[in-house]
Amino acid sequence: MDLNKFLKYFGMLFVVIGMVAGILFIGGALMTRSFPLIFMGVMFPLIFCGVGGFFAWIGGSALKREENLLNPDIDPEKIRTSIGASCPACGATLIVPVGMSAICPYCGRKVVAGTDGSIR
């Protein structure tokens, strides 16, 4: 089980525990006419639902960005690659995207990387 699902279910468990405990406290308070138990019956759901909602929010939405970074639907053929090249004029090392050009920062010469990996 991944972290997102764990946090989501952990948060939902907290919400359920808080609601059940709150209902039991209020029920006990009404039966025994003990007013401090009514306060506890109101506070338990508030505290537990707040904590549980926070964990469910983290597991449900905040960590989704991690899944977007590891998206398996990215087509590797559409990603432009770069190759390391040497400037023919001065020998400086450059990184040139395949099928595009770069200008050498030292001598100003234009270096073109062909789609077949050749440098011109």
PDB file of N, CA and C in Angstrom:
ATOM      1  N   MET A   1       0.855  -1.177   0.000  1.00  0.00           N
ATOM      2  CA  MET A   1       0.000   0.000   0.000  1.00  0.00           C
ATOM      3  C   MET A   1       0.898   1.236   0.000  1.00  0.00           C
ATOM      4  N   ASP A   2       0.610   2.163  -0.898  1.00  0.00           N
ATOM      5  CA  ASP A   2       1.446   3.359  -0.969  1.00  0.00           C
ATOM      6  C   ASP A   2       1.046   4.370   0.116  1.00  0.00           C
ATOM      7  N   LEU A   3       1.858   5.380   0.264  1.00  0.00           N
ATOM      8  CA  LEU A   3       1.684   6.359   1.341  1.00  0.00           C
ATOM      9  C   LEU A   3       0.383   7.142   1.202  1.00  0.00           C
ATOM     10  N   ASN A   4       0.009   7.490  -0.027  1.00  0.00           N
ATOM     11  CA  ASN A   4      -1.217   8.262  -0.234  1.00  0.00           C
ATOM     12  C   ASN A   4      -2.440   7.507   0.274  1.00  0.00           C
ATOM     13  N   LYS A   5      -2.557   6.242  -0.091  1.00  0.00           N
ATOM     14  CA  LYS A   5      -3.717   5.450   0.337  1.00  0.00           C
ATOM     15  C   LYS A   5      -3.706   5.246   1.848  1.00  0.00           C
ATOM     16  N   PHE A   6      -2.530   5.002   2.411  1.00  0.00           N
ATOM     17  CA  PHE A   6      -2.435   4.800   3.851  1.00  0.00           C
ATOM     18  C   PHE A   6      -2.915   6.028   4.604  1.00  0.00           C
ATOM     19  N   LEU A   7      -2.437   7.205   4.226  1.00  0.00           N
ATOM     20  CA  LEU A   7      -2.833   8.433   4.913  1.00  0.00           C
ATOM     21  C   LEU A   7      -4.320   8.720   4.735  1.00  0.00           C
ATOM     22  N   LYS A   8      -4.841   8.428   3.562  1.00  0.00           N
ATOM     23  CA  LYS A   8      -6.261   8.666   3.311  1.00  0.00           C
ATOM     24  C   LYS A   8      -7.122   7.776   4.200  1.00  0.00           C
ATOM     25  N   TYR A   9      -6.803   6.477   4.254  1.00  0.00           N
ATOM     26  CA  TYR A   9      -7.593   5.561   5.081  1.00  0.00           C
ATOM     27  C   TYR A   9      -7.375   5.805   6.580  1.00  0.00           C
ATOM     28  N   PHE A  10      -6.156   6.200   6.958  1.00  0.00           N
ATOM     29  CA  PHE A  10      -5.877   6.543   8.349  1.00  0.00           C
ATOM     30  C   PHE A  10      -6.716   7.740   8.774  1.00  0.00           C
ATOM     31  N   GLY A  11      -6.817   8.734   7.910  1.00  0.00           N
ATOM     32  CA  GLY A  11      -7.639   9.907   8.195  1.00  0.00           C
ATOM     33  C   GLY A  11      -9.112   9.561   8.281  1.00  0.00           C
ATOM     34  N   MET A  12      -9.581   8.688   7.400  1.00  0.00           N
ATOM     35  CA  MET A  12     -10.987   8.282   7.439  1.00  0.00           C
ATOM     36  C   MET A  12     -11.282   7.497   8.717  1.00  0.00           C
ATOM     37  N   LEU A  13     -10.330   6.696   9.179  1.00  0.00           N
ATOM     38  CA  LEU A  13     -10.500   5.951  10.426  1.00  0.00           C
ATOM     39  C   LEU A  13     -10.631   6.915  11.609  1.00  0.00           C
ATOM     40  N   PHE A  14      -9.827   7.975  11.619  1.00  0.00           N
ATOM     41  CA  PHE A  14      -9.908   8.981  12.677  1.00  0.00           C
ATOM     42  C   PHE A  14     -11.278   9.643  12.687  1.00  0.00           C
ATOM     43  N   VAL A  15     -11.809   9.947  11.513  1.00  0.00           N
ATOM     44  CA  VAL A  15     -13.128  10.591  11.437  1.00  0.00           C
ATOM     45  C   VAL A  15     -14.196   9.658  12.001  1.00  0.00           C
ATOM     46  N   VAL A  16     -14.150   8.383  11.629  1.00  0.00           N
ATOM     47  CA  VAL A  16     -15.149   7.424  12.116  1.00  0.00           C
ATOM     48  C   VAL A  16     -15.039   7.253  13.630  1.00  0.00           C
ATOM     49  N   ILE A  17     -13.823   7.110  14.136  1.00  0.00           N
ATOM     50  CA  ILE A  17     -13.645   6.964  15.592  1.00  0.00           C
ATOM     51  C   ILE A  17     -14.180   8.188  16.325  1.00  0.00           C
ATOM     52  N   GLY A  18     -13.888   9.373  15.826  1.00  0.00           N
ATOM     53  CA  GLY A  18     -14.370  10.599  16.462  1.00  0.00           C
ATOM     54  C   GLY A  18     -15.876  10.692  16.462  1.00  0.00           C
ATOM     55  N   MET A  19     -16.507  10.329  15.363  1.00  0.00           N
ATOM     56  CA  MET A  19     -17.972  10.401  15.299  1.00  0.00           C
ATOM     57  C   MET A  19     -18.617   9.380  16.240  1.00  0.00           C
ATOM     58  N   VAL A  20     -18.098   8.160  16.238  1.00  0.00           N
ATOM     59  CA  VAL A  20     -18.671   7.125  17.115  1.00  0.00           C
ATOM     60  C   VAL A  20     -18.489   7.516  18.583  1.00  0.00           C
ATOM     61  N   ALA A  21     -17.296   7.960  18.950  1.00  0.00           N
ATOM     62  CA  ALA A  21     -17.055   8.349  20.349  1.00  0.00           C
ATOM     63  C   ALA A  21     -17.924   9.538  20.731  1.00  0.00           C
ATOM     64  N   GLY A  22     -18.083  10.494  19.846  1.00  0.00           N
ATOM     65  CA  GLY A  22     -18.920  11.656  20.133  1.00  0.00           C
ATOM     66  C   GLY A  22     -20.371  11.270  20.343  1.00  0.00           C
ATOM     67  N   ILE A  23     -20.884  10.390  19.480  1.00  0.00           N
ATOM     68  CA  ILE A  23     -22.274   9.943  19.635  1.00  0.00           C
ATOM     69  C   ILE A  23     -22.454   9.182  20.947  1.00  0.00           C
ATOM     70  N   LEU A  24     -21.481   8.347  21.302  1.00  0.00           N
ATOM     71  CA  LEU A  24     -21.575   7.601  22.560  1.00  0.00           C
ATOM     72  C   LEU A  24     -21.523   8.535  23.768  1.00  0.00           C
ATOM     73  N   PHE A  25     -20.649   9.542  23.724  1.00  0.00           N
ATOM     74  CA  PHE A  25     -20.590  10.495  24.838  1.00  0.00           C
ATOM     75  C   PHE A  25     -21.901  11.267  24.976  1.00  0.00           C
ATOM     76  N   ILE A  26     -22.446  11.724  23.857  1.00  0.00           N
ATOM     77  CA  ILE A  26     -23.698  12.485  23.921  1.00  0.00           C
ATOM     78  C   ILE A  26     -24.837  11.586  24.401  1.00  0.00           C
ATOM     79  N   GLY A  27     -24.876  10.343  23.903  1.00  0.00           N
ATOM     80  CA  GLY A  27     -25.900   9.412  24.369  1.00  0.00           C
ATOM     81  C   GLY A  27     -25.791   9.140  25.859  1.00  0.00           C
ATOM     82  N   GLY A  28     -24.582   8.908  26.337  1.00  0.00           N
ATOM     83  CA  GLY A  28     -24.375   8.697  27.771  1.00  0.00           C
ATOM     84  C   GLY A  28     -24.724   9.921  28.584  1.00  0.00           C
ATOM     85  N   ALA A  29     -24.440  11.101  28.046  1.00  0.00           N
ATOM     86  CA  ALA A  29     -24.741  12.338  28.762  1.00  0.00           C
ATOM     87  C   ALA A  29     -26.242  12.558  28.877  1.00  0.00           C
ATOM     88  N   LEU A  30     -26.955  12.245  27.809  1.00  0.00           N
ATOM     89  CA  LEU A  30     -28.406  12.425  27.852  1.00  0.00           C
ATOM     90  C   LEU A  30     -29.066  11.426  28.797  1.00  0.00           C
ATOM     91  N   MET A  31     -28.515  10.228  28.888  1.00  0.00           N
ATOM     92  CA  MET A  31     -29.091   9.218  29.782  1.00  0.00           C
ATOM     93  C   MET A  31     -28.817   9.534  31.248  1.00  0.00           C
ATOM     94  N   THR A  32     -27.620  10.002  31.543  1.00  0.00           N
ATOM     95  CA  THR A  32     -27.239  10.254  32.943  1.00  0.00           C
ATOM     96  C   THR A  32     -27.388  11.721  33.342  1.00  0.00           C
ATOM     97  N   ARG A  33     -27.732  12.574  32.396  1.00  0.00           N
ATOM     98  CA  ARG A  33     -27.858  14.024  32.617  1.00  0.00           C
ATOM     99  C   ARG A  33     -26.570  14.622  33.177  1.00  0.00           C
ATOM    100  N   SER A  34     -25.480  14.166  32.606  1.00  0.00           N
ATOM    101  CA  SER A  34     -24.169  14.685  32.992  1.00  0.00           C
ATOM    102  C   SER A  34     -23.684  15.630  31.886  1.00  0.00           C
ATOM    103  N   PHE A  35     -23.708  16.936  32.164  1.00  0.00           N
ATOM    104  CA  PHE A  35     -23.420  17.915  31.139  1.00  0.00           C
ATOM    105  C   PHE A  35     -21.954  17.969  30.689  1.00  0.00           C
ATOM    106  N   PRO A  36     -20.971  17.623  31.522  1.00  0.00           N
ATOM    107  CA  PRO A  36     -19.603  17.570  30.990  1.00  0.00           C
ATOM    108  C   PRO A  36     -19.440  16.519  29.886  1.00  0.00           C
ATOM    109  N   LEU A  37     -20.233  15.461  29.912  1.00  0.00           N
ATOM    110  CA  LEU A  37     -20.151  14.473  28.847  1.00  0.00           C
ATOM    111  C   LEU A  37     -20.679  15.018  27.525  1.00  0.00           C
ATOM    112  N   ILE A  38     -21.615  15.953  27.587  1.00  0.00           N
ATOM    113  CA  ILE A  38     -22.079  16.592  26.351  1.00  0.00           C
ATOM    114  C   ILE A  38     -20.950  17.389  25.730  1.00  0.00           C
ATOM    115  N   PHE A  39     -20.192  18.101  26.570  1.00  0.00           N
ATOM    116  CA  PHE A  39     -19.020  18.833  26.064  1.00  0.00           C
ATOM    117  C   PHE A  39     -18.035  17.870  25.398  1.00  0.00           C
ATOM    118  N   MET A  40     -17.771  16.740  26.054  1.00  0.00           N
ATOM    119  CA  MET A  40     -16.863  15.740  25.464  1.00  0.00           C
ATOM    120  C   MET A  40     -17.440  15.186  24.164  1.00  0.00           C
ATOM    121  N   GLY A  41     -18.763  14.989  24.144  1.00  0.00           N
ATOM    122  CA  GLY A  41     -19.399  14.483  22.938  1.00  0.00           C
ATOM    123  C   GLY A  41     -19.310  15.435  21.770  1.00  0.00           C
ATOM    124  N   VAL A  42     -19.226  16.712  22.046  1.00  0.00           N
ATOM    125  CA  VAL A  42     -19.067  17.696  20.973  1.00  0.00           C
ATOM    126  C   VAL A  42     -17.601  17.829  20.579  1.00  0.00           C
ATOM    127  N   MET A  43     -16.715  17.766  21.558  1.00  0.00           N
ATOM    128  CA  MET A  43     -15.294  17.974  21.270  1.00  0.00           C
ATOM    129  C   MET A  43     -14.635  16.785  20.560  1.00  0.00           C
ATOM    130  N   PHE A  44     -15.035  15.564  20.891  1.00  0.00           N
ATOM    131  CA  PHE A  44     -14.426  14.397  20.252  1.00  0.00           C
ATOM    132  C   PHE A  44     -14.565  14.436  18.732  1.00  0.00           C
ATOM    133  N   PRO A  45     -15.779  14.630  18.190  1.00  0.00           N
ATOM    134  CA  PRO A  45     -15.867  14.684  16.723  1.00  0.00           C
ATOM    135  C   PRO A  45     -15.087  15.845  16.132  1.00  0.00           C
ATOM    136  N   LEU A  46     -15.085  16.992  16.818  1.00  0.00           N
ATOM    137  CA  LEU A  46     -14.341  18.137  16.286  1.00  0.00           C
ATOM    138  C   LEU A  46     -12.849  17.838  16.189  1.00  0.00           C
ATOM    139  N   ILE A  47     -12.283  17.319  17.257  1.00  0.00           N
ATOM    140  CA  ILE A  47     -10.844  17.046  17.279  1.00  0.00           C
ATOM    141  C   ILE A  47     -10.496  15.908  16.327  1.00  0.00           C
ATOM    142  N   PHE A  48     -11.215  14.799  16.449  1.00  0.00           N
ATOM    143  CA  PHE A  48     -10.878  13.651  15.615  1.00  0.00           C
ATOM    144  C   PHE A  48     -11.168  13.902  14.138  1.00  0.00           C
ATOM    145  N   CYS A  49     -12.253  14.614  13.839  1.00  0.00           N
ATOM    146  CA  CYS A  49     -12.541  14.912  12.432  1.00  0.00           C
ATOM    147  C   CYS A  49     -11.525  15.906  11.872  1.00  0.00           C
ATOM    148  N   GLY A  50     -11.060  16.805  12.708  1.00  0.00           N
ATOM    149  CA  GLY A  50     -10.023  17.730  12.244  1.00  0.00           C
ATOM    150  C   GLY A  50      -8.727  17.018  11.931  1.00  0.00           C
ATOM    151  N   VAL A  51      -8.284  16.164  12.843  1.00  0.00           N
ATOM    152  CA  VAL A  51      -7.044  15.408  12.620  1.00  0.00           C
ATOM    153  C   VAL A  51      -7.224  14.439  11.464  1.00  0.00           C
ATOM    154  N   GLY A  52      -8.354  13.718  11.455  1.00  0.00           N
ATOM    155  CA  GLY A  52      -8.605  12.767  10.375  1.00  0.00           C
ATOM    156  C   GLY A  52      -8.745  13.441   9.038  1.00  0.00           C
ATOM    157  N   GLY A  53      -9.412  14.582   9.018  1.00  0.00           N
ATOM    158  CA  GLY A  53      -9.534  15.329   7.761  1.00  0.00           C
ATOM    159  C   GLY A  53      -8.196  15.803   7.251  1.00  0.00           C
ATOM    160  N   PHE A  54      -7.318  16.200   8.161  1.00  0.00           N
ATOM    161  CA  PHE A  54      -5.973  16.620   7.745  1.00  0.00           C
ATOM    162  C   PHE A  54      -5.221  15.464   7.089  1.00  0.00           C
ATOM    163  N   PHE A  55      -5.249  14.283   7.734  1.00  0.00           N
ATOM    164  CA  PHE A  55      -4.558  13.132   7.152  1.00  0.00           C
ATOM    165  C   PHE A  55      -5.199  12.710   5.842  1.00  0.00           C
ATOM    166  N   ALA A  56      -6.523  12.747   5.763  1.00  0.00           N
ATOM    167  CA  ALA A  56      -7.191  12.390   4.511  1.00  0.00           C
ATOM    168  C   ALA A  56      -6.860  13.394   3.416  1.00  0.00           C
ATOM    169  N   TRP A  57      -6.739  14.675   3.787  1.00  0.00           N
ATOM    170  CA  TRP A  57      -6.376  15.698   2.795  1.00  0.00           C
ATOM    171  C   TRP A  57      -4.961  15.476   2.280  1.00  0.00           C
ATOM    172  N   ILE A  58      -4.041  15.173   3.207  1.00  0.00           N
ATOM    173  CA  ILE A  58      -2.658  14.912   2.787  1.00  0.00           C
ATOM    174  C   ILE A  58      -2.623  13.697   1.866  1.00  0.00           C
ATOM    175  N   GLY A  59      -3.288  12.632   2.253  1.00  0.00           N
ATOM    176  CA  GLY A  59      -3.267  11.424   1.445  1.00  0.00           C
ATOM    177  C   GLY A  59      -4.059  11.545   0.169  1.00  0.00           C
ATOM    178  N   GLY A  60      -5.059  12.432   0.149  1.00  0.00           N
ATOM    179  CA  GLY A  60      -5.913  12.537  -1.019  1.00  0.00           C
ATOM    180  C   GLY A  60      -5.429  13.509  -2.065  1.00  0.00           C
ATOM    181  N   SER A  61      -4.802  14.618  -1.641  1.00  0.00           N
ATOM    182  CA  SER A  61      -4.475  15.624  -2.644  1.00  0.00           C
ATOM    183  C   SER A  61      -3.054  16.152  -2.571  1.00  0.00           C
ATOM    184  N   ALA A  62      -2.529  16.324  -1.382  1.00  0.00           N
ATOM    185  CA  ALA A  62      -1.241  17.002  -1.265  1.00  0.00           C
ATOM    186  C   ALA A  62      -0.095  16.179  -1.836  1.00  0.00           C
ATOM    187  N   LEU A  63      -0.166  14.864  -1.749  1.00  0.00           N
ATOM    188  CA  LEU A  63       0.916  14.028  -2.267  1.00  0.00           C
ATOM    189  C   LEU A  63       0.662  13.561  -3.688  1.00  0.00           C
ATOM    190  N   LYS A  64      -0.364  14.085  -4.360  1.00  0.00           N
ATOM    191  CA  LYS A  64      -0.635  13.701  -5.740  1.00  0.00           C
ATOM    192  C   LYS A  64       0.459  14.206  -6.673  1.00  0.00           C
ATOM    193  N   ARG A  65       1.143  15.283  -6.270  1.00  0.00           N
ATOM    194  CA  ARG A  65       2.216  15.805  -7.124  1.00  0.00           C
ATOM    195  C   ARG A  65       3.296  14.768  -7.360  1.00  0.00           C
ATOM    196  N   GLU A  66       3.538  13.909  -6.379  1.00  0.00           N
ATOM    197  CA  GLU A  66       4.528  12.852  -6.540  1.00  0.00           C
ATOM    198  C   GLU A  66       4.107  11.896  -7.649  1.00  0.00           C
ATOM    199  N   GLU A  67       2.826  11.577  -7.743  1.00  0.00           N
ATOM    200  CA  GLU A  67       2.350  10.698  -8.799  1.00  0.00           C
ATOM    201  C   GLU A  67       2.506  11.350 -10.159  1.00  0.00           C
ATOM    202  N   ASN A  68       2.313  12.675 -10.242  1.00  0.00           N
ATOM    203  CA  ASN A  68       2.448  13.353 -11.521  1.00  0.00           C
ATOM    204  C   ASN A  68       3.883  13.312 -12.020  1.00  0.00           C
ATOM    205  N   LEU A  69       4.844  13.338 -11.108  1.00  0.00           N
ATOM    206  CA  LEU A  69       6.237  13.277 -11.529  1.00  0.00           C
ATOM    207  C   LEU A  69       6.609  11.909 -12.061  1.00  0.00           C
ATOM    208  N   LEU A  70       5.966  10.883 -11.556  1.00  0.00           N
ATOM    209  CA  LEU A  70       6.271   9.521 -11.971  1.00  0.00           C
ATOM    210  C   LEU A  70       5.191   8.978 -12.900  1.00  0.00           C
ATOM    211  N   ASN A  71       4.602   9.838 -13.714  1.00  0.00           N
ATOM    212  CA  ASN A  71       3.500   9.446 -14.584  1.00  0.00           C
ATOM    213  C   ASN A  71       3.994   8.484 -15.656  1.00  0.00           C
ATOM    214  N   PRO A  72       3.429   7.272 -15.722  1.00  0.00           N
ATOM    215  CA  PRO A  72       3.878   6.314 -16.738  1.00  0.00           C
ATOM    216  C   PRO A  72       3.348   6.624 -18.126  1.00  0.00           C
ATOM    217  N   ASP A  73       2.462   7.621 -18.262  1.00  0.00           N
ATOM    218  CA  ASP A  73       1.891   7.936 -19.568  1.00  0.00           C
ATOM    219  C   ASP A  73       2.783   8.840 -20.412  1.00  0.00           C
ATOM    220  N   ILE A  74       3.926   9.253 -19.897  1.00  0.00           N
ATOM    221  CA  ILE A  74       4.830  10.112 -20.659  1.00  0.00           C
ATOM    222  C   ILE A  74       5.468   9.290 -21.763  1.00  0.00           C
ATOM    223  N   ASP A  75       5.387   9.804 -22.978  1.00  0.00           N
ATOM    224  CA  ASP A  75       5.967   9.114 -24.120  1.00  0.00           C
ATOM    225  C   ASP A  75       7.434   9.509 -24.244  1.00  0.00           C
ATOM    226  N   PRO A  76       8.361   8.565 -24.076  1.00  0.00           N
ATOM    227  CA  PRO A  76       9.780   8.923 -24.151  1.00  0.00           C
ATOM    228  C   PRO A  76      10.210   9.374 -25.541  1.00  0.00           C
ATOM    229  N   GLU A  77       9.438   9.042 -26.559  1.00  0.00           N
ATOM    230  CA  GLU A  77       9.787   9.472 -27.915  1.00  0.00           C
ATOM    231  C   GLU A  77       9.578  10.971 -28.107  1.00  0.00           C
ATOM    232  N   LYS A  78       8.681  11.563 -27.310  1.00  0.00           N
ATOM    233  CA  LYS A  78       8.399  12.989 -27.455  1.00  0.00           C
ATOM    234  C   LYS A  78       9.358  13.867 -26.668  1.00  0.00           C
ATOM    235  N   ILE A  79      10.155  13.281 -25.799  1.00  0.00           N
ATOM    236  CA  ILE A  79      11.108  14.043 -25.001  1.00  0.00           C
ATOM    237  C   ILE A  79      12.319  14.367 -25.861  1.00  0.00           C
ATOM    238  N   ARG A  80      12.671  15.641 -25.909  1.00  0.00           N
ATOM    239  CA  ARG A  80      13.850  16.043 -26.679  1.00  0.00           C
ATOM    240  C   ARG A  80      15.097  15.719 -25.868  1.00  0.00           C
ATOM    241  N   THR A  81      16.031  15.075 -26.496  1.00  0.00           N
ATOM    242  CA  THR A  81      17.271  14.746 -25.814  1.00  0.00           C
ATOM    243  C   THR A  81      18.362  15.726 -26.214  1.00  0.00           C
ATOM    244  N   SER A  82      19.362  15.800 -25.395  1.00  0.00           N
ATOM    245  CA  SER A  82      20.511  16.660 -25.665  1.00  0.00           C
ATOM    246  C   SER A  82      21.754  15.789 -25.725  1.00  0.00           C
ATOM    247  N   ILE A  83      22.712  16.259 -26.493  1.00  0.00           N
ATOM    248  CA  ILE A  83      23.981  15.535 -26.586  1.00  0.00           C
ATOM    249  C   ILE A  83      25.113  16.481 -26.226  1.00  0.00           C
ATOM    250  N   GLY A  84      26.173  15.914 -25.714  1.00  0.00           N
ATOM    251  CA  GLY A  84      27.367  16.688 -25.430  1.00  0.00           C
ATOM    252  C   GLY A  84      28.185  16.823 -26.700  1.00  0.00           C
ATOM    253  N   ALA A  85      28.652  18.008 -26.974  1.00  0.00           N
ATOM    254  CA  ALA A  85      29.403  18.260 -28.205  1.00  0.00           C
ATOM    255  C   ALA A  85      30.578  19.175 -27.901  1.00  0.00           C
ATOM    256  N   SER A  86      31.556  19.127 -28.772  1.00  0.00           N
ATOM    257  CA  SER A  86      32.696  20.041 -28.683  1.00  0.00           C
ATOM    258  C   SER A  86      32.592  21.064 -29.801  1.00  0.00           C
ATOM    259  N   CYS A  87      32.878  22.291 -29.487  1.00  0.00           N
ATOM    260  CA  CYS A  87      32.868  23.347 -30.501  1.00  0.00           C
ATOM    261  C   CYS A  87      33.985  23.064 -31.505  1.00  0.00           C
ATOM    262  N   PRO A  88      33.687  23.029 -32.808  1.00  0.00           N
ATOM    263  CA  PRO A  88      34.735  22.756 -33.803  1.00  0.00           C
ATOM    264  C   PRO A  88      35.806  23.838 -33.853  1.00  0.00           C
ATOM    265  N   ALA A  89      35.493  25.060 -33.436  1.00  0.00           N
ATOM    266  CA  ALA A  89      36.460  26.152 -33.535  1.00  0.00           C
ATOM    267  C   ALA A  89      37.396  26.211 -32.332  1.00  0.00           C
ATOM    268  N   CYS A  90      36.851  26.151 -31.110  1.00  0.00           N
ATOM    269  CA  CYS A  90      37.694  26.358 -29.930  1.00  0.00           C
ATOM    270  C   CYS A  90      37.781  25.125 -29.028  1.00  0.00           C
ATOM    271  N   GLY A  91      36.965  24.123 -29.245  1.00  0.00           N
ATOM    272  CA  GLY A  91      37.024  22.893 -28.463  1.00  0.00           C
ATOM    273  C   GLY A  91      36.258  22.934 -27.146  1.00  0.00           C
ATOM    274  N   ALA A  92      35.463  23.985 -26.921  1.00  0.00           N
ATOM    275  CA  ALA A  92      34.677  24.087 -25.684  1.00  0.00           C
ATOM    276  C   ALA A  92      33.589  23.014 -25.666  1.00  0.00           C
ATOM    277  N   THR A  93      33.254  22.547 -24.481  1.00  0.00           N
ATOM    278  CA  THR A  93      32.213  21.533 -24.337  1.00  0.00           C
ATOM    279  C   THR A  93      30.860  22.216 -24.261  1.00  0.00           C
ATOM    280  N   LEU A  94      29.909  21.735 -25.070  1.00  0.00           N
ATOM    281  CA  LEU A  94      28.566  22.301 -25.135  1.00  0.00           C
ATOM    282  C   LEU A  94      27.531  21.199 -24.987  1.00  0.00           C
ATOM    283  N   ILE A  95      26.357  21.560 -24.556  1.00  0.00           N
ATOM    284  CA  ILE A  95      25.211  20.655 -24.564  1.00  0.00           C
ATOM    285  C   ILE A  95      24.225  21.214 -25.576  1.00  0.00           C
ATOM    286  N   VAL A  96      23.938  20.413 -26.618  1.00  0.00           N
ATOM    287  CA  VAL A  96      23.097  20.860 -27.718  1.00  0.00           C
ATOM    288  C   VAL A  96      21.892  19.931 -27.832  1.00  0.00           C
ATOM    289  N   PRO A  97      20.661  20.475 -27.835  1.00  0.00           N
ATOM    290  CA  PRO A  97      19.485  19.630 -28.045  1.00  0.00           C
ATOM    291  C   PRO A  97      19.521  19.020 -29.454  1.00  0.00           C
ATOM    292  N   VAL A  98      19.111  17.761 -29.553  1.00  0.00           N
ATOM    293  CA  VAL A  98      19.133  17.069 -30.845  1.00  0.00           C
ATOM    294  C   VAL A  98      18.183  17.769 -31.805  1.00  0.00           C
ATOM    295  N   GLY A  99      18.675  18.023 -33.012  1.00  0.00           N
ATOM    296  CA  GLY A  99      17.876  18.681 -34.035  1.00  0.00           C
ATOM    297  C   GLY A  99      17.849  20.194 -33.904  1.00  0.00           C
ATOM    298  N   MET A 100      18.619  20.752 -32.976  1.00  0.00           N
ATOM    299  CA  MET A 100      18.632  22.201 -32.773  1.00  0.00           C
ATOM    300  C   MET A 100      20.078  22.691 -32.770  1.00  0.00           C
ATOM    301  N   SER A 101      20.250  23.954 -32.473  1.00  0.00           N
ATOM    302  CA  SER A 101      21.595  24.526 -32.462  1.00  0.00           C
ATOM    303  C   SER A 101      21.857  25.260 -31.160  1.00  0.00           C
ATOM    304  N   ALA A 102      23.136  25.504 -30.900  1.00  0.00           N
ATOM    305  CA  ALA A 102      23.572  26.275 -29.739  1.00  0.00           C
ATOM    306  C   ALA A 102      24.738  27.140 -30.179  1.00  0.00           C
ATOM    307  N   ILE A 103      24.921  28.239 -29.484  1.00  0.00           N
ATOM    308  CA  ILE A 103      26.029  29.139 -29.803  1.00  0.00           C
ATOM    309  C   ILE A 103      27.093  28.979 -28.742  1.00  0.00           C
ATOM    310  N   CYS A 104      28.316  28.787 -29.149  1.00  0.00           N
ATOM    311  CA  CYS A 104      29.428  28.620 -28.215  1.00  0.00           C
ATOM    312  C   CYS A 104      29.617  29.919 -27.433  1.00  0.00           C
ATOM    313  N   PRO A 105      29.654  29.851 -26.106  1.00  0.00           N
ATOM    314  CA  PRO A 105      29.792  31.075 -25.318  1.00  0.00           C
ATOM    315  C   PRO A 105      31.199  31.672 -25.378  1.00  0.00           C
ATOM    316  N   TYR A 106      32.173  30.919 -25.881  1.00  0.00           N
ATOM    317  CA  TYR A 106      33.553  31.407 -25.897  1.00  0.00           C
ATOM    318  C   TYR A 106      33.928  32.054 -27.225  1.00  0.00           C
ATOM    319  N   CYS A 107      33.566  31.405 -28.353  1.00  0.00           N
ATOM    320  CA  CYS A 107      33.966  31.962 -29.644  1.00  0.00           C
ATOM    321  C   CYS A 107      32.795  32.467 -30.469  1.00  0.00           C
ATOM    322  N   GLY A 108      31.539  32.159 -30.067  1.00  0.00           N
ATOM    323  CA  GLY A 108      30.367  32.668 -30.772  1.00  0.00           C
ATOM    324  C   GLY A 108      29.972  31.851 -31.987  1.00  0.00           C
ATOM    325  N   ARG A 109      30.599  30.722 -32.230  1.00  0.00           N
ATOM    326  CA  ARG A 109      30.261  29.895 -33.392  1.00  0.00           C
ATOM    327  C   ARG A 109      28.980  29.107 -33.121  1.00  0.00           C
ATOM    328  N   LYS A 110      28.170  28.962 -34.183  1.00  0.00           N
ATOM    329  CA  LYS A 110      26.929  28.202 -34.088  1.00  0.00           C
ATOM    330  C   LYS A 110      27.240  26.719 -34.293  1.00  0.00           C
ATOM    331  N   VAL A 111      26.788  25.885 -33.319  1.00  0.00           N
ATOM    332  CA  VAL A 111      27.004  24.442 -33.385  1.00  0.00           C
ATOM    333  C   VAL A 111      25.636  23.786 -33.535  1.00  0.00           C
ATOM    334  N   VAL A 112      25.477  22.974 -34.591  1.00  0.00           N
ATOM    335  CA  VAL A 112      24.195  22.339 -34.888  1.00  0.00           C
ATOM    336  C   VAL A 112      24.322  20.840 -34.642  1.00  0.00           C
ATOM    337  N   ALA A 113      23.330  20.297 -33.929  1.00  0.00           N
ATOM    338  CA  ALA A 113      23.287  18.854 -33.699  1.00  0.00           C
ATOM    339  C   ALA A 113      22.169  18.279 -34.564  1.00  0.00           C
ATOM    340  N   GLY A 114      22.529  17.422 -35.495  1.00  0.00           N
ATOM    341  CA  GLY A 114      21.544  16.810 -36.370  1.00  0.00           C
ATOM    342  C   GLY A 114      20.721  15.762 -35.646  1.00  0.00           C
ATOM    343  N   THR A 115      19.622  15.359 -36.268  1.00  0.00           N
ATOM    344  CA  THR A 115      18.761  14.358 -35.651  1.00  0.00           C
ATOM    345  C   THR A 115      19.434  12.991 -35.599  1.00  0.00           C
ATOM    346  N   ASP A 116      20.463  12.803 -36.401  1.00  0.00           N
ATOM    347  CA  ASP A 116      21.207  11.529 -36.365  1.00  0.00           C
ATOM    348  C   ASP A 116      22.374  11.556 -35.390  1.00  0.00           C
ATOM    349  N   GLY A 117      22.544  12.665 -34.665  1.00  0.00           N
ATOM    350  CA  GLY A 117      23.605  12.764 -33.679  1.00  0.00           C
ATOM    351  C   GLY A 117      24.876  13.410 -34.193  1.00  0.00           C
ATOM    352  N   SER A 118      24.871  13.846 -35.452  1.00  0.00           N
ATOM    353  CA  SER A 118      26.071  14.480 -36.014  1.00  0.00           C
ATOM    354  C   SER A 118      26.163  15.937 -35.568  1.00  0.00           C
ATOM    355  N   ILE A 119      27.381  16.431 -35.479  1.00  0.00           N
ATOM    356  CA  ILE A 119      27.636  17.811 -35.063  1.00  0.00           C
ATOM    357  C   ILE A 119      28.190  18.567 -36.253  1.00  0.00           C
ATOM    358  N   ARG A 120      27.616  19.748 -36.530  1.00  0.00           N
ATOM    359  CA  ARG A 120      28.113  20.580 -37.626  1.00  0.00           C
ATOM    360  C   ARG A 120      28.445  21.961 -37.102  1.00  0.00           C
TER     361      ARG A 120
END
